[in-house]
Amino acid sequence: MVFLVGVYFITKNLGLFMTSWILQELGTVLFVLIIVIFQA
């Protein structure tokens, strides 16, 4: 997750709008998925 956040900030600063938007949406889905997977 830290790696994906790093890639997101790099793509956002480089102006790669589509890639940063996809990573941003993926982050929202991953947040919910992590809560479900690691509930224990």
All heavy atoms as atom14 arrays in JSON, in Angstrom:
{
  "sequence": "MVFLVGVYFITKNLGLFMTSWILQELGTVLFVLIIVIFQA",
  "atom14_mask": [
    [1, 1, 1, 1, 1, 1, 1, 1, 0, 0, 0, 0, 0, 0],
    [1, 1, 1, 1, 1, 1, 1, 0, 0, 0, 0, 0, 0, 0],
    [1, 1, 1, 1, 1, 1, 1, 1, 1, 1, 1, 0, 0, 0],
    [1, 1, 1, 1, 1, 1, 1, 1, 0, 0, 0, 0, 0, 0],
    [1, 1, 1, 1, 1, 1, 1, 0, 0, 0, 0, 0, 0, 0],
    [1, 1, 1, 1, 0, 0, 0, 0, 0, 0, 0, 0, 0, 0],
    [1, 1, 1, 1, 1, 1, 1, 0, 0, 0, 0, 0, 0, 0],
    [1, 1, 1, 1, 1, 1, 1, 1, 1, 1, 1, 1, 0, 0],
    [1, 1, 1, 1, 1, 1, 1, 1, 1, 1, 1, 0, 0, 0],
    [1, 1, 1, 1, 1, 1, 1, 1, 0, 0, 0, 0, 0, 0],
    [1, 1, 1, 1, 1, 1, 1, 0, 0, 0, 0, 0, 0, 0],
    [1, 1, 1, 1, 1, 1, 1, 1, 1, 0, 0, 0, 0, 0],
    [1, 1, 1, 1, 1, 1, 1, 1, 0, 0, 0, 0, 0, 0],
    [1, 1, 1, 1, 1, 1, 1, 1, 0, 0, 0, 0, 0, 0],
    [1, 1, 1, 1, 0, 0, 0, 0, 0, 0, 0, 0, 0, 0],
    [1, 1, 1, 1, 1, 1, 1, 1, 0, 0, 0, 0, 0, 0],
    [1, 1, 1, 1, 1, 1, 1, 1, 1, 1, 1, 0, 0, 0],
    [1, 1, 1, 1, 1, 1, 1, 1, 0, 0, 0, 0, 0, 0],
    [1, 1, 1, 1, 1, 1, 1, 0, 0, 0, 0, 0, 0, 0],
    [1, 1, 1, 1, 1, 1, 0, 0, 0, 0, 0, 0, 0, 0],
    [1, 1, 1, 1, 1, 1, 1, 1, 1, 1, 1, 1, 1, 1],
    [1, 1, 1, 1, 1, 1, 1, 1, 0, 0, 0, 0, 0, 0],
    [1, 1, 1, 1, 1, 1, 1, 1, 0, 0, 0, 0, 0, 0],
    [1, 1, 1, 1, 1, 1, 1, 1, 1, 0, 0, 0, 0, 0],
    [1, 1, 1, 1, 1, 1, 1, 1, 1, 0, 0, 0, 0, 0],
    [1, 1, 1, 1, 1, 1, 1, 1, 0, 0, 0, 0, 0, 0],
    [1, 1, 1, 1, 0, 0, 0, 0, 0, 0, 0, 0, 0, 0],
    [1, 1, 1, 1, 1, 1, 1, 0, 0, 0, 0, 0, 0, 0],
    [1, 1, 1, 1, 1, 1, 1, 0, 0, 0, 0, 0, 0, 0],
    [1, 1, 1, 1, 1, 1, 1, 1, 0, 0, 0, 0, 0, 0],
    [1, 1, 1, 1, 1, 1, 1, 1, 1, 1, 1, 0, 0, 0],
    [1, 1, 1, 1, 1, 1, 1, 0, 0, 0, 0, 0, 0, 0],
    [1, 1, 1, 1, 1, 1, 1, 1, 0, 0, 0, 0, 0, 0],
    [1, 1, 1, 1, 1, 1, 1, 1, 0, 0, 0, 0, 0, 0],
    [1, 1, 1, 1, 1, 1, 1, 1, 0, 0, 0, 0, 0, 0],
    [1, 1, 1, 1, 1, 1, 1, 0, 0, 0, 0, 0, 0, 0],
    [1, 1, 1, 1, 1, 1, 1, 1, 0, 0, 0, 0, 0, 0],
    [1, 1, 1, 1, 1, 1, 1, 1, 1, 1, 1, 0, 0, 0],
    [1, 1, 1, 1, 1, 1, 1, 1, 1, 0, 0, 0, 0, 0],
    [1, 1, 1, 1, 1, 0, 0, 0, 0, 0, 0, 0, 0, 0]
  ],
  "atom14_positions": [
    [[0.83, -1.21, 0.0], [0.0, 0.0, 0.0], [0.87, 1.26, 0.0], [0.55, 2.22, -0.69], [-0.92, 0.0, 1.23], [-2.02, -1.02, 1.17], [-3.25, -0.62, -0.06], [-3.99, 0.81, 0.67], [0.0, 0.0, 0.0], [0.0, 0.0, 0.0], [0.0, 0.0, 0.0], [0.0, 0.0, 0.0], [0.0, 0.0, 0.0], [0.0, 0.0, 0.0]],
    [[1.95, 1.25, 0.78], [2.85, 2.41, 0.81], [3.46, 2.61, -0.58], [3.59, 3.74, -1.06], [3.94, 2.23, 1.9], [5.05, 3.25, 1.76], [3.31, 2.31, 3.27], [0.0, 0.0, 0.0], [0.0, 0.0, 0.0], [0.0, 0.0, 0.0], [0.0, 0.0, 0.0], [0.0, 0.0, 0.0], [0.0, 0.0, 0.0], [0.0, 0.0, 0.0]],
    [[3.81, 1.51, -1.24], [4.35, 1.61, -2.6], [3.33, 2.22, -3.55], [3.67, 3.1, -4.35], [4.78, 0.21, -3.08], [5.26, 0.19, -4.5], [6.51, 0.68, -4.83], [4.46, -0.32, -5.51], [6.95, 0.69, -6.14], [4.89, -0.34, -6.82], [6.14, 0.17, -7.14], [0.0, 0.0, 0.0], [0.0, 0.0, 0.0], [0.0, 0.0, 0.0]],
    [[2.06, 1.76, -3.47], [1.03, 2.31, -4.35], [0.77, 3.79, -4.06], [0.54, 4.58, -5.0], [-0.28, 1.53, -4.19], [-0.34, 0.18, -4.9], [-1.65, -0.52, -4.6], [-0.18, 0.37, -6.4], [0.0, 0.0, 0.0], [0.0, 0.0, 0.0], [0.0, 0.0, 0.0], [0.0, 0.0, 0.0], [0.0, 0.0, 0.0], [0.0, 0.0, 0.0]],
    [[0.83, 4.19, -2.81], [0.65, 5.61, -2.46], [1.8, 6.42, -3.04], [1.6, 7.51, -3.58], [0.54, 5.79, -0.93], [0.67, 7.25, -0.53], [-0.77, 5.22, -0.42], [0.0, 0.0, 0.0], [0.0, 0.0, 0.0], [0.0, 0.0, 0.0], [0.0, 0.0, 0.0], [0.0, 0.0, 0.0], [0.0, 0.0, 0.0], [0.0, 0.0, 0.0]],
    [[3.02, 5.89, -2.96], [4.16, 6.56, -3.56], [4.02, 6.72, -5.06], [4.28, 7.8, -5.62], [0.0, 0.0, 0.0], [0.0, 0.0, 0.0], [0.0, 0.0, 0.0], [0.0, 0.0, 0.0], [0.0, 0.0, 0.0], [0.0, 0.0, 0.0], [0.0, 0.0, 0.0], [0.0, 0.0, 0.0], [0.0, 0.0, 0.0], [0.0, 0.0, 0.0]],
    [[3.59, 5.66, -5.74], [3.36, 5.73, -7.19], [2.27, 6.74, -7.51], [2.36, 7.5, -8.47], [3.02, 4.33, -7.75], [2.55, 4.4, -9.2], [4.23, 3.41, -7.64], [0.0, 0.0, 0.0], [0.0, 0.0, 0.0], [0.0, 0.0, 0.0], [0.0, 0.0, 0.0], [0.0, 0.0, 0.0], [0.0, 0.0, 0.0], [0.0, 0.0, 0.0]],
    [[1.22, 6.77, -6.68], [0.13, 7.73, -6.89], [0.64, 9.16, -6.83], [0.33, 9.98, -7.7], [-0.98, 7.51, -5.85], [-1.97, 8.64, -5.79], [-2.9, 8.83, -6.81], [-1.99, 9.54, -4.73], [-3.81, 9.86, -6.77], [-2.88, 10.57, -4.68], [-3.79, 10.74, -5.69], [-4.69, 11.77, -5.66], [0.0, 0.0, 0.0], [0.0, 0.0, 0.0]],
    [[1.44, 9.51, -5.8], [1.94, 10.88, -5.69], [2.9, 11.22, -6.82], [2.91, 12.35, -7.31], [2.59, 11.11, -4.33], [1.59, 11.32, -3.23], [1.52, 10.43, -2.17], [0.71, 12.39, -3.26], [0.6, 10.62, -1.16], [-0.22, 12.59, -2.26], [-0.28, 11.7, -1.2], [0.0, 0.0, 0.0], [0.0, 0.0, 0.0], [0.0, 0.0, 0.0]],
    [[3.69, 10.25, -7.25], [4.6, 10.5, -8.37], [3.82, 10.78, -9.65], [4.11, 11.73, -10.38], [5.57, 9.31, -8.56], [6.57, 9.28, -7.39], [6.31, 9.4, -9.89], [7.43, 8.01, -7.36], [0.0, 0.0, 0.0], [0.0, 0.0, 0.0], [0.0, 0.0, 0.0], [0.0, 0.0, 0.0], [0.0, 0.0, 0.0], [0.0, 0.0, 0.0]],
    [[2.8, 9.94, -9.93], [2.0, 10.16, -11.15], [1.21, 11.45, -11.08], [1.02, 12.12, -12.1], [1.05, 8.97, -11.4], [0.19, 8.8, -10.27], [1.81, 7.7, -11.68], [0.0, 0.0, 0.0], [0.0, 0.0, 0.0], [0.0, 0.0, 0.0], [0.0, 0.0, 0.0], [0.0, 0.0, 0.0], [0.0, 0.0, 0.0], [0.0, 0.0, 0.0]],
    [[0.73, 11.81, -9.9], [-0.02, 13.06, -9.77], [0.89, 14.27, -10.01], [0.5, 15.23, -10.68], [-0.66, 13.14, -8.39], [-1.59, 14.3, -8.24], [-2.44, 14.18, -7.01], [-3.36, 15.37, -6.97], [-4.62, 15.08, -6.37], [0.0, 0.0, 0.0], [0.0, 0.0, 0.0], [0.0, 0.0, 0.0], [0.0, 0.0, 0.0], [0.0, 0.0, 0.0]],
    [[2.13, 14.23, -9.48], [3.06, 15.34, -9.68], [3.6, 15.41, -11.1], [3.98, 16.49, -11.56], [4.22, 15.25, -8.69], [3.79, 15.59, -7.28], [2.84, 16.35, -7.08], [4.45, 15.01, -6.3], [0.0, 0.0, 0.0], [0.0, 0.0, 0.0], [0.0, 0.0, 0.0], [0.0, 0.0, 0.0], [0.0, 0.0, 0.0], [0.0, 0.0, 0.0]],
    [[3.64, 14.27, -11.8], [4.1, 14.28, -13.19], [2.99, 14.65, -14.16], [3.24, 14.79, -15.35], [4.67, 12.91, -13.56], [6.0, 12.54, -12.9], [6.41, 11.12, -13.3], [7.09, 13.53, -13.3], [0.0, 0.0, 0.0], [0.0, 0.0, 0.0], [0.0, 0.0, 0.0], [0.0, 0.0, 0.0], [0.0, 0.0, 0.0], [0.0, 0.0, 0.0]],
    [[1.77, 14.8, -13.67], [0.66, 15.19, -14.53], [0.03, 14.04, -15.28], [-0.64, 14.26, -16.3], [0.0, 0.0, 0.0], [0.0, 0.0, 0.0], [0.0, 0.0, 0.0], [0.0, 0.0, 0.0], [0.0, 0.0, 0.0], [0.0, 0.0, 0.0], [0.0, 0.0, 0.0], [0.0, 0.0, 0.0], [0.0, 0.0, 0.0], [0.0, 0.0, 0.0]],
    [[0.22, 12.82, -14.82], [-0.4, 11.66, -15.45], [-1.79, 11.49, -14.84], [-2.0, 10.74, -13.9], [0.46, 10.41, -15.24], [1.9, 10.5, -15.74], [2.7, 9.29, -15.29], [1.92, 10.63, -17.25], [0.0, 0.0, 0.0], [0.0, 0.0, 0.0], [0.0, 0.0, 0.0], [0.0, 0.0, 0.0], [0.0, 0.0, 0.0], [0.0, 0.0, 0.0]],
    [[-2.76, 12.22, -15.43], [-4.08, 12.33, -14.81], [-4.83, 11.0, -14.77], [-5.44, 10.66, -13.75], [-4.91, 13.38, -15.54], [-4.32, 14.75, -15.47], [-3.83, 15.37, -16.61], [-4.22, 15.41, -14.26], [-3.26, 16.63, -16.54], [-3.65, 16.67, -14.18], [-3.18, 17.28, -15.34], [0.0, 0.0, 0.0], [0.0, 0.0, 0.0], [0.0, 0.0, 0.0]],
    [[-4.8, 10.26, -15.86], [-5.56, 9.01, -15.91], [-4.99, 7.97, -14.93], [-5.74, 7.32, -14.19], [-5.58, 8.44, -17.32], [-6.43, 7.21, -17.47], [-6.48, 6.74, -19.19], [-8.14, 6.15, -19.29], [0.0, 0.0, 0.0], [0.0, 0.0, 0.0], [0.0, 0.0, 0.0], [0.0, 0.0, 0.0], [0.0, 0.0, 0.0], [0.0, 0.0, 0.0]],
    [[-3.68, 7.84, -14.91], [-3.05, 6.87, -14.01], [-3.28, 7.26, -12.54], [-3.62, 6.4, -11.71], [-1.54, 6.79, -14.28], [-1.33, 6.51, -15.67], [-0.89, 5.69, -13.46], [0.0, 0.0, 0.0], [0.0, 0.0, 0.0], [0.0, 0.0, 0.0], [0.0, 0.0, 0.0], [0.0, 0.0, 0.0], [0.0, 0.0, 0.0], [0.0, 0.0, 0.0]],
    [[-3.14, 8.54, -12.22], [-3.37, 8.96, -10.84], [-4.84, 8.81, -10.45], [-5.15, 8.45, -9.32], [-2.9, 10.4, -10.63], [-3.66, 11.29, -11.41], [0.0, 0.0, 0.0], [0.0, 0.0, 0.0], [0.0, 0.0, 0.0], [0.0, 0.0, 0.0], [0.0, 0.0, 0.0], [0.0, 0.0, 0.0], [0.0, 0.0, 0.0], [0.0, 0.0, 0.0]],
    [[-5.77, 9.04, -11.39], [-7.2, 8.85, -11.1], [-7.5, 7.38, -10.83], [-8.22, 7.05, -9.88], [-8.05, 9.36, -12.26], [-9.51, 9.13, -12.05], [-10.34, 9.85, -11.25], [-10.3, 8.08, -12.62], [-11.61, 9.32, -11.28], [-11.61, 8.23, -12.13], [-10.03, 7.04, -13.49], [-12.65, 7.39, -12.48], [-11.06, 6.2, -13.85], [-12.35, 6.37, -13.35]],
    [[-6.93, 6.47, -11.65], [-7.15, 5.03, -11.45], [-6.58, 4.59, -10.12], [-7.2, 3.83, -9.36], [-6.56, 4.22, -12.62], [-7.41, 4.43, -13.86], [-6.47, 2.74, -12.27], [-6.85, 3.81, -15.12], [0.0, 0.0, 0.0], [0.0, 0.0, 0.0], [0.0, 0.0, 0.0], [0.0, 0.0, 0.0], [0.0, 0.0, 0.0], [0.0, 0.0, 0.0]],
    [[-5.38, 5.06, -9.78], [-4.78, 4.71, -8.49], [-5.59, 5.27, -7.32], [-5.7, 4.63, -6.27], [-3.33, 5.18, -8.42], [-2.35, 4.39, -9.28], [-0.98, 5.06, -9.26], [-2.25, 2.96, -8.81], [0.0, 0.0, 0.0], [0.0, 0.0, 0.0], [0.0, 0.0, 0.0], [0.0, 0.0, 0.0], [0.0, 0.0, 0.0], [0.0, 0.0, 0.0]],
    [[-6.16, 6.46, -7.49], [-7.0, 7.04, -6.44], [-8.25, 6.19, -6.23], [-8.63, 5.91, -5.09], [-7.38, 8.46, -6.81], [-8.2, 9.16, -5.75], [-8.5, 10.6, -6.14], [-8.08, 11.09, -7.19], [-9.23, 11.29, -5.3], [0.0, 0.0, 0.0], [0.0, 0.0, 0.0], [0.0, 0.0, 0.0], [0.0, 0.0, 0.0], [0.0, 0.0, 0.0]],
    [[-8.91, 5.77, -7.31], [-10.1, 4.92, -7.19], [-9.73, 3.54, -6.63], [-10.47, 2.96, -5.86], [-10.8, 4.79, -8.54], [-11.33, 6.09, -9.09], [-12.29, 6.77, -8.14], [-13.16, 6.09, -7.56], [-12.18, 8.0, -7.97], [0.0, 0.0, 0.0], [0.0, 0.0, 0.0], [0.0, 0.0, 0.0], [0.0, 0.0, 0.0], [0.0, 0.0, 0.0]],
    [[-8.58, 3.03, -7.03], [-8.11, 1.74, -6.53], [-7.84, 1.83, -5.02], [-8.11, 0.88, -4.27], [-6.84, 1.32, -7.27], [-6.23, -0.03, -6.89], [-7.19, -1.16, -7.28], [-4.91, -0.22, -7.58], [0.0, 0.0, 0.0], [0.0, 0.0, 0.0], [0.0, 0.0, 0.0], [0.0, 0.0, 0.0], [0.0, 0.0, 0.0], [0.0, 0.0, 0.0]],
    [[-7.34, 2.96, -4.57], [-7.09, 3.16, -3.14], [-8.36, 3.08, -2.32], [-8.38, 2.5, -1.23], [0.0, 0.0, 0.0], [0.0, 0.0, 0.0], [0.0, 0.0, 0.0], [0.0, 0.0, 0.0], [0.0, 0.0, 0.0], [0.0, 0.0, 0.0], [0.0, 0.0, 0.0], [0.0, 0.0, 0.0], [0.0, 0.0, 0.0], [0.0, 0.0, 0.0]],
    [[-9.47, 3.62, -2.86], [-10.75, 3.55, -2.15], [-11.22, 2.11, -2.03], [-11.65, 1.67, -0.97], [-11.8, 4.39, -2.89], [-11.3, 5.71, -3.08], [-13.1, 4.43, -2.12], [0.0, 0.0, 0.0], [0.0, 0.0, 0.0], [0.0, 0.0, 0.0], [0.0, 0.0, 0.0], [0.0, 0.0, 0.0], [0.0, 0.0, 0.0], [0.0, 0.0, 0.0]],
    [[-11.11, 1.36, -3.12], [-11.53, -0.04, -3.11], [-10.62, -0.86, -2.2], [-11.1, -1.7, -1.43], [-11.52, -0.61, -4.55], [-11.76, -2.1, -4.55], [-12.56, 0.09, -5.4], [0.0, 0.0, 0.0], [0.0, 0.0, 0.0], [0.0, 0.0, 0.0], [0.0, 0.0, 0.0], [0.0, 0.0, 0.0], [0.0, 0.0, 0.0], [0.0, 0.0, 0.0]],
    [[-9.32, -0.61, -2.24], [-8.38, -1.36, -1.41], [-8.6, -1.09, 0.08], [-8.42, -1.98, 0.9], [-6.94, -1.02, -1.79], [-6.43, -1.66, -3.07], [-5.01, -1.19, -3.37], [-6.48, -3.17, -2.99], [0.0, 0.0, 0.0], [0.0, 0.0, 0.0], [0.0, 0.0, 0.0], [0.0, 0.0, 0.0], [0.0, 0.0, 0.0], [0.0, 0.0, 0.0]],
    [[-9.01, 0.13, 0.41], [-9.27, 0.45, 1.81], [-10.4, -0.43, 2.37], [-10.27, -1.02, 3.45], [-9.63, 1.93, 1.96], [-9.89, 2.35, 3.36], [-8.85, 2.47, 4.26], [-11.19, 2.62, 3.79], [-9.09, 2.86, 5.57], [-11.43, 3.0, 5.09], [-10.39, 3.12, 5.98], [0.0, 0.0, 0.0], [0.0, 0.0, 0.0], [0.0, 0.0, 0.0]],
    [[-11.47, -0.56, 1.62], [-12.6, -1.4, 2.05], [-12.18, -2.87, 2.04], [-12.5, -3.63, 2.96], [-13.83, -1.18, 1.14], [-14.94, -2.16, 1.46], [-14.31, 0.25, 1.26], [0.0, 0.0, 0.0], [0.0, 0.0, 0.0], [0.0, 0.0, 0.0], [0.0, 0.0, 0.0], [0.0, 0.0, 0.0], [0.0, 0.0, 0.0], [0.0, 0.0, 0.0]],
    [[-11.43, -3.29, 1.04], [-10.99, -4.67, 0.92], [-10.06, -5.06, 2.09], [-10.18, -6.16, 2.63], [-10.27, -4.88, -0.41], [-9.94, -6.3, -0.81], [-11.23, -7.09, -1.01], [-9.14, -6.31, -2.08], [0.0, 0.0, 0.0], [0.0, 0.0, 0.0], [0.0, 0.0, 0.0], [0.0, 0.0, 0.0], [0.0, 0.0, 0.0], [0.0, 0.0, 0.0]],
    [[-9.19, -4.17, 2.49], [-8.28, -4.46, 3.6], [-9.06, -4.62, 4.9], [-8.75, -5.49, 5.71], [-7.21, -3.36, 3.71], [-6.19, -3.57, 2.61], [-6.55, -3.34, 5.07], [-5.13, -2.51, 2.53], [0.0, 0.0, 0.0], [0.0, 0.0, 0.0], [0.0, 0.0, 0.0], [0.0, 0.0, 0.0], [0.0, 0.0, 0.0], [0.0, 0.0, 0.0]],
    [[-10.09, -3.81, 5.1], [-10.9, -3.95, 6.31], [-11.59, -5.31, 6.34], [-11.64, -5.97, 7.38], [-11.93, -2.8, 6.41], [-11.2, -1.5, 6.69], [-12.97, -3.08, 7.49], [-12.09, -0.29, 6.68], [0.0, 0.0, 0.0], [0.0, 0.0, 0.0], [0.0, 0.0, 0.0], [0.0, 0.0, 0.0], [0.0, 0.0, 0.0], [0.0, 0.0, 0.0]],
    [[-12.06, -5.77, 5.2], [-12.73, -7.08, 5.14], [-11.73, -8.21, 5.34], [-11.97, -9.13, 6.11], [-13.49, -7.24, 3.8], [-14.0, -8.65, 3.63], [-14.63, -6.24, 3.72], [0.0, 0.0, 0.0], [0.0, 0.0, 0.0], [0.0, 0.0, 0.0], [0.0, 0.0, 0.0], [0.0, 0.0, 0.0], [0.0, 0.0, 0.0], [0.0, 0.0, 0.0]],
    [[-10.6, -8.15, 4.66], [-9.62, -9.24, 4.72], [-8.96, -9.34, 6.09], [-8.8, -10.42, 6.64], [-8.55, -9.07, 3.62], [-9.18, -9.29, 2.26], [-7.39, -10.03, 3.84], [-8.25, -9.0, 1.11], [0.0, 0.0, 0.0], [0.0, 0.0, 0.0], [0.0, 0.0, 0.0], [0.0, 0.0, 0.0], [0.0, 0.0, 0.0], [0.0, 0.0, 0.0]],
    [[-8.6, -8.22, 6.67], [-7.85, -8.22, 7.92], [-8.7, -7.87, 9.13], [-8.22, -7.29, 10.1], [-6.66, -7.25, 7.82], [-5.64, -7.68, 6.83], [-5.46, -6.97, 5.67], [-4.89, -8.81, 7.05], [-4.52, -7.36, 4.75], [-3.95, -9.21, 6.13], [-3.77, -8.48, 4.97], [0.0, 0.0, 0.0], [0.0, 0.0, 0.0], [0.0, 0.0, 0.0]],
    [[-9.97, -8.26, 9.12], [-10.83, -7.93, 10.25], [-10.37, -8.6, 11.54], [-10.48, -8.01, 12.62], [-12.28, -8.26, 9.95], [-12.57, -9.74, 9.77], [-14.03, -9.98, 9.48], [-14.86, -9.13, 9.73], [-14.34, -11.14, 8.94], [0.0, 0.0, 0.0], [0.0, 0.0, 0.0], [0.0, 0.0, 0.0], [0.0, 0.0, 0.0], [0.0, 0.0, 0.0]],
    [[-9.84, -9.8, 11.46], [-9.37, -10.48, 12.68], [-8.17, -9.75, 13.26], [-8.09, -9.56, 14.49], [-9.01, -11.93, 12.37], [0.0, 0.0, 0.0], [0.0, 0.0, 0.0], [0.0, 0.0, 0.0], [0.0, 0.0, 0.0], [0.0, 0.0, 0.0], [0.0, 0.0, 0.0], [0.0, 0.0, 0.0], [0.0, 0.0, 0.0], [0.0, 0.0, 0.0]]
  ]
}
